[in-house]
Amino acid sequence: MSTLAELPAVAECSVAGCSYNDHSSCHAAAVTIGGTGDAQCATFIPLSVKGGLDRVVSHVGACQRQDCSHNAHLECGAPSVRIGAGHDIADCLTYTAR
């Protein structure tokens, strides 16, 4: 992948308590997937202040989960990802172990 437009989009975010969530759409420019147990959305911010971009263009900027089948060189290769409640309040629901 060489441009932001080629990175996988955040197709859905069902984490209503995130500052970047607006009507199930992520408004962060990019999210980072991390975590040690689950594939957590490391961009999750539980504040009452809304943030992010005016338009919905969120992508997966980085994936720290080398054990995910979609991960290649710390970049996500899934067509798109869904963020929602898993083990934690904000997990990557597209995560698939190798």
N, C-alpha and C. Protein backbone atom coordinates (compact mmCIF):
# COMPACT_ATOMS: atom_id res chain seq x y z
N MET A 1 0.84 -1.17 0.00
CA MET A 1 0.00 0.00 0.00
C MET A 1 0.89 1.24 0.00
N SER A 2 0.48 2.23 -0.77
CA SER A 2 1.32 3.40 -0.85
C SER A 2 0.62 4.71 -0.54
N THR A 3 -0.71 4.74 -0.53
CA THR A 3 -1.41 5.98 -0.22
C THR A 3 -2.49 5.75 0.83
N LEU A 4 -2.92 6.82 1.48
CA LEU A 4 -3.97 6.73 2.49
C LEU A 4 -5.25 6.15 1.90
N ALA A 5 -5.58 6.50 0.68
CA ALA A 5 -6.80 6.02 0.04
C ALA A 5 -6.80 4.50 -0.13
N GLU A 6 -5.63 3.89 -0.15
CA GLU A 6 -5.53 2.44 -0.32
C GLU A 6 -5.65 1.68 1.00
N LEU A 7 -5.56 2.39 2.13
CA LEU A 7 -5.69 1.73 3.42
C LEU A 7 -7.14 1.33 3.65
N PRO A 8 -7.38 0.26 4.42
CA PRO A 8 -8.75 -0.18 4.66
C PRO A 8 -9.56 0.86 5.43
N ALA A 9 -10.78 1.05 5.00
CA ALA A 9 -11.68 2.00 5.66
C ALA A 9 -12.26 1.38 6.92
N VAL A 10 -12.61 2.23 7.87
CA VAL A 10 -13.38 1.80 9.03
C VAL A 10 -14.84 1.86 8.59
N ALA A 11 -15.38 0.71 8.24
CA ALA A 11 -16.73 0.63 7.68
C ALA A 11 -17.82 0.91 8.70
N GLU A 12 -17.55 0.58 9.95
CA GLU A 12 -18.56 0.75 11.00
C GLU A 12 -17.88 0.84 12.35
N CYS A 13 -18.42 1.67 13.22
CA CYS A 13 -17.99 1.71 14.61
C CYS A 13 -19.24 1.79 15.48
N SER A 14 -19.46 0.77 16.27
CA SER A 14 -20.65 0.72 17.12
C SER A 14 -20.34 1.13 18.56
N VAL A 15 -19.18 1.76 18.80
CA VAL A 15 -18.80 2.19 20.14
C VAL A 15 -19.32 3.60 20.37
N ALA A 16 -20.54 3.70 20.87
CA ALA A 16 -21.21 5.00 21.05
C ALA A 16 -20.46 5.91 22.01
N GLY A 17 -19.70 5.38 22.94
CA GLY A 17 -18.99 6.18 23.93
C GLY A 17 -17.66 6.74 23.48
N CYS A 18 -17.32 6.60 22.20
CA CYS A 18 -16.05 7.11 21.70
C CYS A 18 -16.23 8.53 21.16
N SER A 19 -15.28 9.40 21.44
CA SER A 19 -15.35 10.78 20.98
C SER A 19 -15.34 10.92 19.47
N TYR A 20 -14.80 9.92 18.77
CA TYR A 20 -14.74 9.97 17.30
C TYR A 20 -15.97 9.37 16.63
N ASN A 21 -16.87 8.77 17.40
CA ASN A 21 -18.04 8.12 16.81
C ASN A 21 -19.18 9.11 16.62
N ASP A 22 -19.75 9.11 15.43
CA ASP A 22 -20.92 9.92 15.14
C ASP A 22 -21.88 9.07 14.32
N HIS A 23 -22.95 8.62 14.95
CA HIS A 23 -23.97 7.78 14.28
C HIS A 23 -23.35 6.53 13.65
N SER A 24 -22.53 5.81 14.41
CA SER A 24 -21.87 4.57 14.00
C SER A 24 -20.82 4.75 12.92
N SER A 25 -20.36 5.97 12.73
CA SER A 25 -19.28 6.25 11.77
C SER A 25 -18.10 6.85 12.52
N CYS A 26 -16.91 6.36 12.21
CA CYS A 26 -15.69 6.85 12.85
C CYS A 26 -15.22 8.11 12.13
N HIS A 27 -14.98 9.18 12.88
CA HIS A 27 -14.53 10.44 12.31
C HIS A 27 -13.07 10.74 12.59
N ALA A 28 -12.32 9.75 13.10
CA ALA A 28 -10.87 9.92 13.25
C ALA A 28 -10.26 9.81 11.85
N ALA A 29 -9.18 10.52 11.60
CA ALA A 29 -8.52 10.42 10.30
C ALA A 29 -8.01 9.00 10.06
N ALA A 30 -7.48 8.40 11.12
CA ALA A 30 -6.98 7.03 11.04
C ALA A 30 -7.02 6.42 12.43
N VAL A 31 -7.20 5.13 12.50
CA VAL A 31 -7.19 4.43 13.78
C VAL A 31 -5.99 3.50 13.84
N THR A 32 -5.58 3.19 15.06
CA THR A 32 -4.51 2.23 15.30
C THR A 32 -5.12 1.05 16.04
N ILE A 33 -4.82 -0.15 15.57
CA ILE A 33 -5.27 -1.37 16.23
C ILE A 33 -4.08 -1.91 17.02
N GLY A 34 -4.29 -2.16 18.30
CA GLY A 34 -3.22 -2.64 19.17
C GLY A 34 -3.75 -3.68 20.12
N GLY A 35 -3.25 -3.67 21.33
CA GLY A 35 -3.70 -4.60 22.36
C GLY A 35 -2.82 -5.82 22.46
N THR A 36 -2.90 -6.48 23.61
CA THR A 36 -2.12 -7.70 23.81
C THR A 36 -3.02 -8.92 23.87
N GLY A 37 -4.21 -8.78 24.41
CA GLY A 37 -5.15 -9.88 24.46
C GLY A 37 -6.09 -9.86 23.28
N ASP A 38 -6.83 -8.77 23.16
CA ASP A 38 -7.74 -8.60 22.03
C ASP A 38 -7.13 -7.59 21.08
N ALA A 39 -7.76 -7.43 19.96
CA ALA A 39 -7.33 -6.44 18.97
C ALA A 39 -8.08 -5.15 19.28
N GLN A 40 -7.56 -4.37 20.20
CA GLN A 40 -8.23 -3.16 20.67
C GLN A 40 -8.04 -2.00 19.71
N CYS A 41 -9.04 -1.16 19.63
CA CYS A 41 -8.91 0.10 18.91
C CYS A 41 -8.17 1.05 19.84
N ALA A 42 -6.91 1.32 19.55
CA ALA A 42 -6.08 2.16 20.41
C ALA A 42 -6.41 3.63 20.25
N THR A 43 -7.28 3.98 19.31
CA THR A 43 -7.68 5.36 19.08
C THR A 43 -8.90 5.73 19.92
N PHE A 44 -9.53 4.75 20.54
CA PHE A 44 -10.72 4.97 21.38
C PHE A 44 -10.45 6.01 22.46
N ILE A 45 -11.29 7.05 22.51
CA ILE A 45 -11.19 8.09 23.53
C ILE A 45 -12.59 8.30 24.12
N PRO A 46 -12.77 7.95 25.40
CA PRO A 46 -14.10 8.08 26.03
C PRO A 46 -14.32 9.45 26.68
N LEU A 47 -14.42 10.51 25.89
CA LEU A 47 -14.68 11.85 26.42
C LEU A 47 -16.04 12.34 25.97
N SER A 48 -16.56 13.33 26.67
CA SER A 48 -17.85 13.90 26.26
C SER A 48 -17.69 14.86 25.08
N VAL A 49 -16.46 15.25 24.77
CA VAL A 49 -16.19 16.15 23.65
C VAL A 49 -16.09 15.32 22.36
N LYS A 50 -16.77 15.76 21.32
CA LYS A 50 -16.68 15.07 20.03
C LYS A 50 -15.47 15.60 19.27
N GLY A 51 -14.79 14.72 18.56
CA GLY A 51 -13.61 15.11 17.81
C GLY A 51 -13.60 14.47 16.44
N GLY A 52 -12.57 14.77 15.70
CA GLY A 52 -12.39 14.16 14.40
C GLY A 52 -12.74 15.07 13.25
N LEU A 53 -12.83 14.47 12.09
CA LEU A 53 -13.07 15.18 10.85
C LEU A 53 -14.55 15.43 10.61
N ASP A 54 -14.86 16.43 9.80
CA ASP A 54 -16.25 16.70 9.44
C ASP A 54 -16.83 15.60 8.56
N ARG A 55 -16.00 15.06 7.66
CA ARG A 55 -16.46 13.99 6.76
C ARG A 55 -15.94 12.65 7.28
N VAL A 56 -16.63 11.60 6.93
CA VAL A 56 -16.22 10.26 7.34
C VAL A 56 -15.23 9.70 6.31
N VAL A 57 -13.96 9.66 6.69
CA VAL A 57 -12.93 9.13 5.81
C VAL A 57 -11.93 8.27 6.59
N SER A 58 -12.34 7.75 7.73
CA SER A 58 -11.43 7.05 8.61
C SER A 58 -10.89 5.76 7.99
N HIS A 59 -9.58 5.55 8.20
CA HIS A 59 -8.89 4.37 7.72
C HIS A 59 -8.11 3.73 8.86
N VAL A 60 -7.61 2.53 8.64
CA VAL A 60 -6.71 1.88 9.60
C VAL A 60 -5.31 2.38 9.27
N GLY A 61 -4.77 3.22 10.14
CA GLY A 61 -3.44 3.78 9.90
C GLY A 61 -2.33 2.81 10.26
N ALA A 62 -2.53 2.02 11.31
CA ALA A 62 -1.51 1.07 11.74
C ALA A 62 -2.16 -0.09 12.46
N CYS A 63 -1.57 -1.27 12.30
CA CYS A 63 -2.03 -2.45 13.03
C CYS A 63 -0.84 -3.08 13.72
N GLN A 64 -0.90 -3.10 15.04
CA GLN A 64 0.19 -3.66 15.84
C GLN A 64 0.00 -5.16 16.10
N ARG A 65 -1.06 -5.74 15.54
CA ARG A 65 -1.37 -7.15 15.79
C ARG A 65 -0.75 -8.04 14.70
N GLN A 66 0.51 -8.41 14.89
CA GLN A 66 1.21 -9.25 13.93
C GLN A 66 0.57 -10.62 13.78
N ASP A 67 -0.22 -11.04 14.78
CA ASP A 67 -0.86 -12.35 14.76
C ASP A 67 -2.18 -12.35 13.98
N CYS A 68 -2.55 -11.21 13.38
CA CYS A 68 -3.79 -11.13 12.60
C CYS A 68 -3.51 -11.55 11.16
N SER A 69 -4.41 -12.31 10.58
CA SER A 69 -4.23 -12.78 9.21
C SER A 69 -4.26 -11.65 8.19
N HIS A 70 -4.81 -10.50 8.56
CA HIS A 70 -4.88 -9.36 7.65
C HIS A 70 -3.63 -8.48 7.72
N ASN A 71 -2.73 -8.74 8.68
CA ASN A 71 -1.57 -7.89 8.92
C ASN A 71 -0.40 -8.29 8.02
N ALA A 72 0.14 -7.30 7.32
CA ALA A 72 1.36 -7.49 6.53
C ALA A 72 2.24 -6.27 6.75
N HIS A 73 3.37 -6.48 7.41
CA HIS A 73 4.31 -5.39 7.69
C HIS A 73 3.66 -4.27 8.51
N LEU A 74 2.83 -4.66 9.48
CA LEU A 74 2.13 -3.76 10.41
C LEU A 74 1.09 -2.88 9.72
N GLU A 75 0.65 -3.28 8.55
CA GLU A 75 -0.43 -2.62 7.81
C GLU A 75 -1.59 -3.60 7.67
N CYS A 76 -2.80 -3.10 7.76
CA CYS A 76 -3.98 -3.94 7.62
C CYS A 76 -4.29 -4.13 6.14
N GLY A 77 -4.52 -5.38 5.74
CA GLY A 77 -4.85 -5.70 4.36
C GLY A 77 -6.30 -6.10 4.16
N ALA A 78 -7.13 -5.96 5.19
CA ALA A 78 -8.55 -6.29 5.05
C ALA A 78 -9.21 -5.24 4.16
N PRO A 79 -10.26 -5.61 3.43
CA PRO A 79 -10.95 -4.62 2.59
C PRO A 79 -11.52 -3.46 3.41
N SER A 80 -12.00 -3.75 4.62
CA SER A 80 -12.49 -2.75 5.56
C SER A 80 -12.53 -3.40 6.92
N VAL A 81 -12.70 -2.60 7.97
CA VAL A 81 -12.78 -3.15 9.32
C VAL A 81 -14.02 -2.62 10.03
N ARG A 82 -14.45 -3.37 11.04
CA ARG A 82 -15.54 -2.96 11.91
C ARG A 82 -14.98 -2.86 13.31
N ILE A 83 -15.35 -1.79 14.01
CA ILE A 83 -14.93 -1.58 15.39
C ILE A 83 -16.18 -1.67 16.26
N GLY A 84 -16.08 -2.40 17.38
CA GLY A 84 -17.22 -2.53 18.27
C GLY A 84 -16.83 -3.25 19.54
N ALA A 85 -17.81 -3.53 20.34
CA ALA A 85 -17.58 -4.21 21.62
C ALA A 85 -17.18 -5.65 21.37
N GLY A 86 -16.06 -6.03 21.92
CA GLY A 86 -15.59 -7.41 21.94
C GLY A 86 -15.34 -7.73 23.40
N HIS A 87 -14.14 -8.18 23.71
CA HIS A 87 -13.75 -8.37 25.10
C HIS A 87 -13.68 -7.02 25.79
N ASP A 88 -13.19 -6.00 25.08
CA ASP A 88 -13.16 -4.64 25.60
C ASP A 88 -14.24 -3.82 24.89
N ILE A 89 -14.38 -2.57 25.28
CA ILE A 89 -15.43 -1.73 24.72
C ILE A 89 -15.18 -1.37 23.25
N ALA A 90 -13.92 -1.32 22.83
CA ALA A 90 -13.61 -0.93 21.45
C ALA A 90 -12.56 -1.87 20.88
N ASP A 91 -13.00 -2.89 20.17
CA ASP A 91 -12.11 -3.88 19.56
C ASP A 91 -12.29 -3.89 18.06
N CYS A 92 -11.27 -4.34 17.36
CA CYS A 92 -11.38 -4.57 15.92
C CYS A 92 -12.10 -5.90 15.74
N LEU A 93 -13.31 -5.85 15.24
CA LEU A 93 -14.12 -7.07 15.07
C LEU A 93 -13.75 -7.82 13.80
N THR A 94 -12.87 -7.25 12.99
CA THR A 94 -12.41 -7.89 11.76
C THR A 94 -11.17 -8.75 12.03
N TYR A 95 -10.56 -8.59 13.19
CA TYR A 95 -9.37 -9.36 13.57
C TYR A 95 -9.63 -10.85 13.40
N THR A 96 -8.70 -11.51 12.74
CA THR A 96 -8.74 -12.96 12.55
C THR A 96 -7.35 -13.52 12.83
N ALA A 97 -7.22 -14.39 13.82
CA ALA A 97 -5.92 -14.95 14.16
C ALA A 97 -5.39 -15.80 13.01
N ARG A 98 -4.08 -15.76 12.84
CA ARG A 98 -3.42 -16.59 11.79
C ARG A 98 -3.59 -18.04 12.12
